[in-house]
Amino acid sequence: MPLVSRCERRLVCTSLFLSQAGKLQITNSVFTSLPTFFMSTFHLHVSIRDQVDKFRKHCLWRGAEESNRINAKAAWPMVTRPKEDGGMGVLDLKTQNEALLLKNLHKIFNKADIPWVHLIWEKYYRNGKLPNHIKKGSFW
C-alpha cells in the first residue's frame, strides 16, 4: 500500500494538467498495473481491492486537490463496463484477479514447461495423473 499511496499522491499533483481522457488513461495504466503481479499469484482481499478502487476513483474524479469532494459523474459499476457496452473500460479488479489465477491453474493442468509447475507435479502428483474425485461403486 505505500507504493499505491505514493503513486496516488503523484497522480493527484499531475492530474491538474490532464483532461478527463488523460485521467482515465492514467487510471487504467498505473492503478490497474500496480497490483497485477500480486493478483497473478494471490487472491486479493476485499479490503485491499476496495482501497485500490478508492484510489482509482479519486484519480479519475477528484482532480488535483485531495480535499476536493466532487461527486462522481458515473457509478463505478458503469465505469468498469467495457466501452462497447457504454462504460469507460476501466478493468474490474475482481474479474482480473480471478482471470489471472485461472491462468495459473491452466498452466498446472496442462503441465506447462515452467519450473514451478514441474515442482508442483513432482510434489503432489507423482503418478503423473490428477486425482480422480469420481467415486465408483456403493458407499457401503
N, C-alpha and C. Protein backbone atom coordinates (compact mmCIF):
# COMPACT_ATOMS: atom_id res chain seq x y z
N MET A 1 0.80 -1.20 0.00
CA MET A 1 0.00 0.00 0.00
C MET A 1 0.85 1.27 0.00
N PRO A 2 2.07 1.28 0.55
CA PRO A 2 2.86 2.52 0.45
C PRO A 2 3.14 2.91 -1.00
N LEU A 3 3.39 1.92 -1.85
CA LEU A 3 3.63 2.21 -3.25
C LEU A 3 2.40 2.81 -3.90
N VAL A 4 1.24 2.25 -3.59
CA VAL A 4 0.00 2.75 -4.17
C VAL A 4 -0.29 4.16 -3.69
N SER A 5 -0.09 4.43 -2.39
CA SER A 5 -0.38 5.77 -1.88
C SER A 5 0.61 6.79 -2.42
N ARG A 6 1.87 6.40 -2.63
CA ARG A 6 2.84 7.32 -3.21
C ARG A 6 2.47 7.65 -4.65
N CYS A 7 2.06 6.64 -5.41
CA CYS A 7 1.62 6.89 -6.79
C CYS A 7 0.37 7.75 -6.82
N GLU A 8 -0.51 7.53 -5.86
CA GLU A 8 -1.73 8.32 -5.80
C GLU A 8 -1.41 9.78 -5.53
N ARG A 9 -0.45 10.07 -4.66
CA ARG A 9 -0.06 11.46 -4.38
C ARG A 9 0.53 12.11 -5.62
N ARG A 10 1.35 11.37 -6.36
CA ARG A 10 1.95 11.93 -7.57
C ARG A 10 0.90 12.17 -8.64
N LEU A 11 -0.05 11.24 -8.75
CA LEU A 11 -1.08 11.42 -9.77
C LEU A 11 -2.01 12.58 -9.45
N VAL A 12 -2.24 12.82 -8.17
CA VAL A 12 -3.07 13.95 -7.78
C VAL A 12 -2.41 15.25 -8.22
N CYS A 13 -1.09 15.33 -8.09
CA CYS A 13 -0.37 16.54 -8.49
C CYS A 13 -0.39 16.72 -10.00
N THR A 14 -0.26 15.65 -10.75
CA THR A 14 -0.20 15.77 -12.21
C THR A 14 -1.58 15.82 -12.85
N SER A 15 -2.63 15.46 -12.12
CA SER A 15 -3.95 15.43 -12.74
C SER A 15 -4.49 16.82 -13.02
N LEU A 16 -3.85 17.85 -12.49
CA LEU A 16 -4.24 19.23 -12.79
C LEU A 16 -4.06 19.52 -14.28
N PHE A 17 -3.06 18.88 -14.88
CA PHE A 17 -2.73 19.14 -16.28
C PHE A 17 -3.39 18.16 -17.24
N LEU A 18 -4.17 17.24 -16.74
CA LEU A 18 -4.76 16.20 -17.59
C LEU A 18 -6.23 16.46 -17.86
N SER A 19 -6.67 16.07 -19.03
CA SER A 19 -8.09 16.09 -19.34
C SER A 19 -8.74 14.86 -18.72
N GLN A 20 -10.05 14.73 -18.88
CA GLN A 20 -10.75 13.57 -18.35
C GLN A 20 -10.27 12.29 -19.03
N ALA A 21 -9.98 12.36 -20.33
CA ALA A 21 -9.46 11.19 -21.04
C ALA A 21 -8.06 10.83 -20.55
N GLY A 22 -7.25 11.83 -20.24
CA GLY A 22 -5.92 11.57 -19.70
C GLY A 22 -5.98 10.93 -18.32
N LYS A 23 -6.92 11.40 -17.50
CA LYS A 23 -7.11 10.81 -16.16
C LYS A 23 -7.56 9.36 -16.28
N LEU A 24 -8.42 9.09 -17.25
CA LEU A 24 -8.87 7.70 -17.47
C LEU A 24 -7.70 6.82 -17.90
N GLN A 25 -6.86 7.34 -18.78
CA GLN A 25 -5.71 6.56 -19.25
C GLN A 25 -4.73 6.29 -18.11
N ILE A 26 -4.47 7.28 -17.28
CA ILE A 26 -3.57 7.10 -16.14
C ILE A 26 -4.17 6.10 -15.15
N THR A 27 -5.48 6.21 -14.92
CA THR A 27 -6.14 5.28 -14.00
C THR A 27 -6.00 3.85 -14.50
N ASN A 28 -6.21 3.64 -15.78
CA ASN A 28 -6.10 2.28 -16.34
C ASN A 28 -4.66 1.79 -16.35
N SER A 29 -3.72 2.64 -16.69
CA SER A 29 -2.35 2.15 -16.85
C SER A 29 -1.63 2.00 -15.51
N VAL A 30 -1.77 2.95 -14.61
CA VAL A 30 -0.99 2.91 -13.37
C VAL A 30 -1.67 2.07 -12.30
N PHE A 31 -2.90 2.41 -11.96
CA PHE A 31 -3.53 1.75 -10.82
C PHE A 31 -4.07 0.37 -11.13
N THR A 32 -4.12 0.00 -12.38
CA THR A 32 -4.50 -1.36 -12.70
C THR A 32 -3.26 -2.24 -12.86
N SER A 33 -2.16 -1.66 -13.29
CA SER A 33 -0.96 -2.46 -13.49
C SER A 33 -0.16 -2.67 -12.21
N LEU A 34 -0.30 -1.79 -11.22
CA LEU A 34 0.45 -1.96 -9.97
C LEU A 34 0.16 -3.28 -9.27
N PRO A 35 -1.11 -3.65 -9.06
CA PRO A 35 -1.35 -4.91 -8.34
C PRO A 35 -1.38 -6.16 -9.22
N THR A 36 -1.04 -6.04 -10.50
CA THR A 36 -1.18 -7.18 -11.41
C THR A 36 -0.30 -8.36 -11.01
N PHE A 37 0.95 -8.12 -10.65
CA PHE A 37 1.82 -9.23 -10.26
C PHE A 37 1.28 -9.92 -9.01
N PHE A 38 0.84 -9.14 -8.04
CA PHE A 38 0.28 -9.71 -6.82
C PHE A 38 -0.98 -10.51 -7.14
N MET A 39 -1.82 -9.97 -8.04
CA MET A 39 -3.08 -10.65 -8.38
C MET A 39 -2.84 -11.93 -9.16
N SER A 40 -1.72 -12.03 -9.87
CA SER A 40 -1.46 -13.26 -10.61
C SER A 40 -0.96 -14.37 -9.70
N THR A 41 -0.64 -14.03 -8.45
CA THR A 41 -0.15 -15.03 -7.51
C THR A 41 -1.13 -15.33 -6.39
N PHE A 42 -1.77 -14.30 -5.86
CA PHE A 42 -2.66 -14.44 -4.70
C PHE A 42 -4.04 -13.87 -5.01
N HIS A 43 -5.00 -14.33 -4.24
CA HIS A 43 -6.35 -13.76 -4.33
C HIS A 43 -6.39 -12.50 -3.47
N LEU A 44 -6.74 -11.37 -4.09
CA LEU A 44 -6.79 -10.11 -3.36
C LEU A 44 -7.89 -10.12 -2.32
N HIS A 45 -7.58 -9.63 -1.15
CA HIS A 45 -8.59 -9.49 -0.10
C HIS A 45 -9.52 -8.35 -0.50
N VAL A 46 -10.77 -8.42 -0.07
CA VAL A 46 -11.78 -7.43 -0.44
C VAL A 46 -11.37 -6.03 0.00
N SER A 47 -10.79 -5.90 1.19
CA SER A 47 -10.41 -4.58 1.68
C SER A 47 -9.29 -3.96 0.84
N ILE A 48 -8.36 -4.77 0.38
CA ILE A 48 -7.29 -4.24 -0.48
C ILE A 48 -7.86 -3.84 -1.83
N ARG A 49 -8.73 -4.67 -2.37
CA ARG A 49 -9.36 -4.34 -3.64
C ARG A 49 -10.18 -3.06 -3.54
N ASP A 50 -10.89 -2.88 -2.42
CA ASP A 50 -11.66 -1.65 -2.22
C ASP A 50 -10.76 -0.43 -2.10
N GLN A 51 -9.60 -0.60 -1.45
CA GLN A 51 -8.67 0.52 -1.28
C GLN A 51 -8.08 0.94 -2.63
N VAL A 52 -7.71 -0.03 -3.45
CA VAL A 52 -7.18 0.30 -4.78
C VAL A 52 -8.26 0.94 -5.63
N ASP A 53 -9.49 0.45 -5.55
CA ASP A 53 -10.60 1.07 -6.27
C ASP A 53 -10.84 2.49 -5.78
N LYS A 54 -10.68 2.72 -4.50
CA LYS A 54 -10.84 4.07 -3.95
C LYS A 54 -9.82 5.02 -4.57
N PHE A 55 -8.56 4.58 -4.67
CA PHE A 55 -7.54 5.42 -5.29
C PHE A 55 -7.83 5.65 -6.77
N ARG A 56 -8.31 4.61 -7.44
CA ARG A 56 -8.64 4.78 -8.86
C ARG A 56 -9.80 5.76 -9.04
N LYS A 57 -10.80 5.69 -8.17
CA LYS A 57 -11.91 6.64 -8.25
C LYS A 57 -11.44 8.05 -7.99
N HIS A 58 -10.59 8.22 -6.98
CA HIS A 58 -10.09 9.56 -6.66
C HIS A 58 -9.29 10.15 -7.81
N CYS A 59 -8.45 9.33 -8.43
CA CYS A 59 -7.66 9.82 -9.55
C CYS A 59 -8.56 10.21 -10.72
N LEU A 60 -9.59 9.44 -10.94
CA LEU A 60 -10.46 9.69 -12.09
C LEU A 60 -11.38 10.88 -11.89
N TRP A 61 -11.95 11.05 -10.70
CA TRP A 61 -12.97 12.08 -10.50
C TRP A 61 -12.51 13.29 -9.71
N ARG A 62 -11.62 13.11 -8.76
CA ARG A 62 -11.35 14.17 -7.80
C ARG A 62 -10.57 15.34 -8.38
N GLY A 63 -9.57 15.08 -9.16
CA GLY A 63 -8.79 16.16 -9.72
C GLY A 63 -7.52 16.40 -8.95
N ALA A 64 -7.06 17.65 -8.92
CA ALA A 64 -5.75 17.97 -8.39
C ALA A 64 -5.72 18.10 -6.87
N GLU A 65 -6.82 18.40 -6.25
CA GLU A 65 -6.82 18.63 -4.80
C GLU A 65 -7.35 17.41 -4.06
N GLU A 66 -6.63 17.02 -3.02
CA GLU A 66 -7.06 15.86 -2.24
C GLU A 66 -8.32 16.15 -1.45
N SER A 67 -8.50 17.40 -1.05
CA SER A 67 -9.67 17.75 -0.24
C SER A 67 -10.90 18.05 -1.10
N ASN A 68 -10.74 18.01 -2.41
CA ASN A 68 -11.84 18.28 -3.32
C ASN A 68 -12.88 17.16 -3.23
N ARG A 69 -14.11 17.49 -2.96
CA ARG A 69 -15.17 16.49 -2.78
C ARG A 69 -16.18 16.55 -3.93
N ILE A 70 -15.71 16.33 -5.13
CA ILE A 70 -16.59 16.34 -6.29
C ILE A 70 -17.28 14.99 -6.39
N ASN A 71 -18.58 15.01 -6.62
CA ASN A 71 -19.32 13.76 -6.80
C ASN A 71 -18.91 13.11 -8.11
N ALA A 72 -18.96 11.81 -8.12
CA ALA A 72 -18.62 11.06 -9.34
C ALA A 72 -19.64 11.34 -10.42
N LYS A 73 -19.18 11.35 -11.65
CA LYS A 73 -20.06 11.62 -12.78
C LYS A 73 -20.76 10.37 -13.28
N ALA A 74 -20.29 9.21 -12.84
CA ALA A 74 -20.91 7.94 -13.21
C ALA A 74 -20.67 6.94 -12.08
N ALA A 75 -21.58 6.00 -11.94
CA ALA A 75 -21.44 4.96 -10.91
C ALA A 75 -20.28 4.04 -11.28
N TRP A 76 -19.59 3.53 -10.27
CA TRP A 76 -18.41 2.70 -10.51
C TRP A 76 -18.72 1.42 -11.28
N PRO A 77 -19.84 0.72 -11.03
CA PRO A 77 -20.13 -0.45 -11.88
C PRO A 77 -20.29 -0.10 -13.35
N MET A 78 -20.78 1.10 -13.65
CA MET A 78 -20.89 1.52 -15.04
C MET A 78 -19.52 1.87 -15.61
N VAL A 79 -18.65 2.44 -14.80
CA VAL A 79 -17.30 2.79 -15.25
C VAL A 79 -16.51 1.55 -15.61
N THR A 80 -16.73 0.46 -14.89
CA THR A 80 -15.96 -0.77 -15.14
C THR A 80 -16.51 -1.61 -16.28
N ARG A 81 -17.58 -1.19 -16.90
CA ARG A 81 -18.08 -1.90 -18.08
C ARG A 81 -17.17 -1.64 -19.27
N PRO A 82 -17.16 -2.55 -20.24
CA PRO A 82 -16.39 -2.30 -21.47
C PRO A 82 -16.95 -1.10 -22.24
N LYS A 83 -16.11 -0.49 -23.05
CA LYS A 83 -16.55 0.68 -23.81
C LYS A 83 -17.67 0.34 -24.79
N GLU A 84 -17.65 -0.89 -25.30
CA GLU A 84 -18.69 -1.30 -26.24
C GLU A 84 -20.06 -1.35 -25.57
N ASP A 85 -20.07 -1.57 -24.25
CA ASP A 85 -21.34 -1.66 -23.50
C ASP A 85 -21.72 -0.35 -22.85
N GLY A 86 -21.07 0.74 -23.21
CA GLY A 86 -21.41 2.04 -22.66
C GLY A 86 -20.62 2.44 -21.44
N GLY A 87 -19.62 1.67 -21.04
CA GLY A 87 -18.80 2.01 -19.89
C GLY A 87 -17.56 2.78 -20.31
N MET A 88 -16.64 2.92 -19.36
CA MET A 88 -15.40 3.65 -19.64
C MET A 88 -14.21 2.72 -19.84
N GLY A 89 -14.40 1.43 -19.68
CA GLY A 89 -13.34 0.48 -19.96
C GLY A 89 -12.33 0.29 -18.85
N VAL A 90 -12.64 0.74 -17.63
CA VAL A 90 -11.74 0.52 -16.50
C VAL A 90 -11.89 -0.94 -16.08
N LEU A 91 -10.76 -1.62 -15.89
CA LEU A 91 -10.80 -3.04 -15.55
C LEU A 91 -11.33 -3.26 -14.14
N ASP A 92 -12.16 -4.27 -14.00
CA ASP A 92 -12.67 -4.68 -12.69
C ASP A 92 -11.62 -5.56 -12.04
N LEU A 93 -11.14 -5.16 -10.86
CA LEU A 93 -10.05 -5.88 -10.21
C LEU A 93 -10.43 -7.30 -9.81
N LYS A 94 -11.67 -7.52 -9.41
CA LYS A 94 -12.09 -8.87 -9.01
C LYS A 94 -12.04 -9.82 -10.20
N THR A 95 -12.57 -9.37 -11.32
CA THR A 95 -12.57 -10.20 -12.53
C THR A 95 -11.16 -10.45 -13.03
N GLN A 96 -10.32 -9.41 -13.00
CA GLN A 96 -8.94 -9.57 -13.45
C GLN A 96 -8.17 -10.51 -12.54
N ASN A 97 -8.39 -10.42 -11.23
CA ASN A 97 -7.73 -11.29 -10.28
C ASN A 97 -8.11 -12.75 -10.53
N GLU A 98 -9.39 -13.02 -10.73
CA GLU A 98 -9.84 -14.39 -10.99
C GLU A 98 -9.27 -14.92 -12.31
N ALA A 99 -9.21 -14.06 -13.33
CA ALA A 99 -8.67 -14.49 -14.63
C ALA A 99 -7.19 -14.82 -14.53
N LEU A 100 -6.43 -14.01 -13.78
CA LEU A 100 -5.01 -14.29 -13.64
C LEU A 100 -4.76 -15.57 -12.85
N LEU A 101 -5.58 -15.84 -11.84
CA LEU A 101 -5.42 -17.08 -11.08
C LEU A 101 -5.81 -18.30 -11.91
N LEU A 102 -6.83 -18.15 -12.75
CA LEU A 102 -7.21 -19.25 -13.64
C LEU A 102 -6.13 -19.53 -14.68
N LYS A 103 -5.40 -18.50 -15.05
CA LYS A 103 -4.30 -18.69 -15.98
C LYS A 103 -3.24 -19.61 -15.37
N ASN A 104 -2.95 -19.44 -14.08
CA ASN A 104 -2.00 -20.33 -13.40
C ASN A 104 -2.55 -21.74 -13.30
N LEU A 105 -3.84 -21.87 -13.04
CA LEU A 105 -4.46 -23.19 -12.96
C LEU A 105 -4.38 -23.90 -14.32
N HIS A 106 -4.56 -23.15 -15.39
CA HIS A 106 -4.44 -23.70 -16.73
C HIS A 106 -3.02 -24.23 -16.97
N LYS A 107 -2.02 -23.49 -16.48
CA LYS A 107 -0.63 -23.95 -16.64
C LYS A 107 -0.39 -25.25 -15.88
N ILE A 108 -0.99 -25.38 -14.71
CA ILE A 108 -0.79 -26.60 -13.92
C ILE A 108 -1.46 -27.79 -14.60
N PHE A 109 -2.70 -27.63 -15.03
CA PHE A 109 -3.43 -28.74 -15.63
C PHE A 109 -2.82 -29.19 -16.95
N ASN A 110 -2.21 -28.29 -17.69
CA ASN A 110 -1.62 -28.64 -18.98
C ASN A 110 -0.13 -28.92 -18.91
N LYS A 111 0.41 -29.04 -17.69
CA LYS A 111 1.82 -29.36 -17.45
C LYS A 111 2.74 -28.47 -18.29
N ALA A 112 2.58 -27.17 -18.14
CA ALA A 112 3.42 -26.22 -18.88
C ALA A 112 4.88 -26.43 -18.49
N ASP A 113 5.78 -26.13 -19.41
CA ASP A 113 7.20 -26.33 -19.20
C ASP A 113 7.77 -25.15 -18.40
N ILE A 114 7.36 -25.05 -17.14
CA ILE A 114 7.77 -23.99 -16.23
C ILE A 114 8.25 -24.67 -14.95
N PRO A 115 9.34 -24.17 -14.36
CA PRO A 115 9.90 -24.85 -13.18
C PRO A 115 8.91 -25.02 -12.02
N TRP A 116 8.10 -23.99 -11.71
CA TRP A 116 7.19 -24.13 -10.58
C TRP A 116 6.10 -25.15 -10.86
N VAL A 117 5.72 -25.32 -12.13
CA VAL A 117 4.72 -26.33 -12.48
C VAL A 117 5.32 -27.72 -12.31
N HIS A 118 6.58 -27.90 -12.72
CA HIS A 118 7.25 -29.19 -12.52
C HIS A 118 7.36 -29.52 -11.03
N LEU A 119 7.65 -28.52 -10.22
CA LEU A 119 7.76 -28.72 -8.78
C LEU A 119 6.43 -29.18 -8.19
N ILE A 120 5.34 -28.59 -8.59
CA ILE A 120 4.02 -28.99 -8.08
C ILE A 120 3.67 -30.40 -8.52
N TRP A 121 3.95 -30.73 -9.79
CA TRP A 121 3.64 -32.08 -10.27
C TRP A 121 4.49 -33.12 -9.57
N GLU A 122 5.76 -32.82 -9.31
CA GLU A 122 6.63 -33.79 -8.62
C GLU A 122 6.24 -33.93 -7.16
N LYS A 123 5.79 -32.88 -6.53
CA LYS A 123 5.47 -32.92 -5.11
C LYS A 123 4.11 -33.58 -4.85
N TYR A 124 3.09 -33.23 -5.63
CA TYR A 124 1.73 -33.66 -5.32
C TYR A 124 1.17 -34.73 -6.25
N TYR A 125 1.66 -34.82 -7.46
CA TYR A 125 1.10 -35.75 -8.44
C TYR A 125 2.22 -36.63 -9.00
N ARG A 126 2.82 -37.43 -8.17
CA ARG A 126 3.97 -38.25 -8.56
C ARG A 126 3.61 -39.31 -9.60
N ASN A 127 2.37 -39.76 -9.59
CA ASN A 127 1.99 -40.80 -10.55
C ASN A 127 1.72 -40.21 -11.94
N GLY A 128 1.79 -38.90 -12.09
CA GLY A 128 1.61 -38.26 -13.38
C GLY A 128 0.17 -38.01 -13.76
N LYS A 129 -0.75 -38.25 -12.84
CA LYS A 129 -2.17 -38.03 -13.12
C LYS A 129 -2.76 -37.15 -12.04
N LEU A 130 -3.76 -36.39 -12.44
CA LEU A 130 -4.51 -35.61 -11.47
C LEU A 130 -5.38 -36.54 -10.66
N PRO A 131 -5.67 -36.19 -9.41
CA PRO A 131 -6.51 -37.08 -8.60
C PRO A 131 -7.91 -37.18 -9.19
N ASN A 132 -8.45 -38.38 -9.15
CA ASN A 132 -9.78 -38.64 -9.68
C ASN A 132 -10.77 -38.57 -8.52
N HIS A 133 -11.69 -37.64 -8.59
CA HIS A 133 -12.64 -37.46 -7.49
C HIS A 133 -13.95 -38.21 -7.72
N ILE A 134 -14.05 -38.94 -8.80
CA ILE A 134 -15.27 -39.69 -9.06
C ILE A 134 -15.19 -41.00 -8.30
N LYS A 135 -16.13 -41.21 -7.39
CA LYS A 135 -16.15 -42.43 -6.60
C LYS A 135 -16.97 -43.47 -7.33
N LYS A 136 -16.43 -44.64 -7.42
CA LYS A 136 -17.12 -45.73 -8.11
C LYS A 136 -17.68 -46.71 -7.10
N GLY A 137 -18.80 -47.22 -7.41
CA GLY A 137 -19.40 -48.24 -6.55
C GLY A 137 -20.24 -47.64 -5.43
N SER A 138 -20.68 -48.51 -4.59
CA SER A 138 -21.54 -48.11 -3.47
C SER A 138 -20.72 -47.53 -2.34
N PHE A 139 -21.35 -46.71 -1.56
CA PHE A 139 -20.65 -46.14 -0.41
C PHE A 139 -20.66 -47.13 0.74
N TRP A 140 -21.34 -48.24 0.62
CA TRP A 140 -21.36 -49.24 1.68
C TRP A 140 -20.09 -49.97 1.61
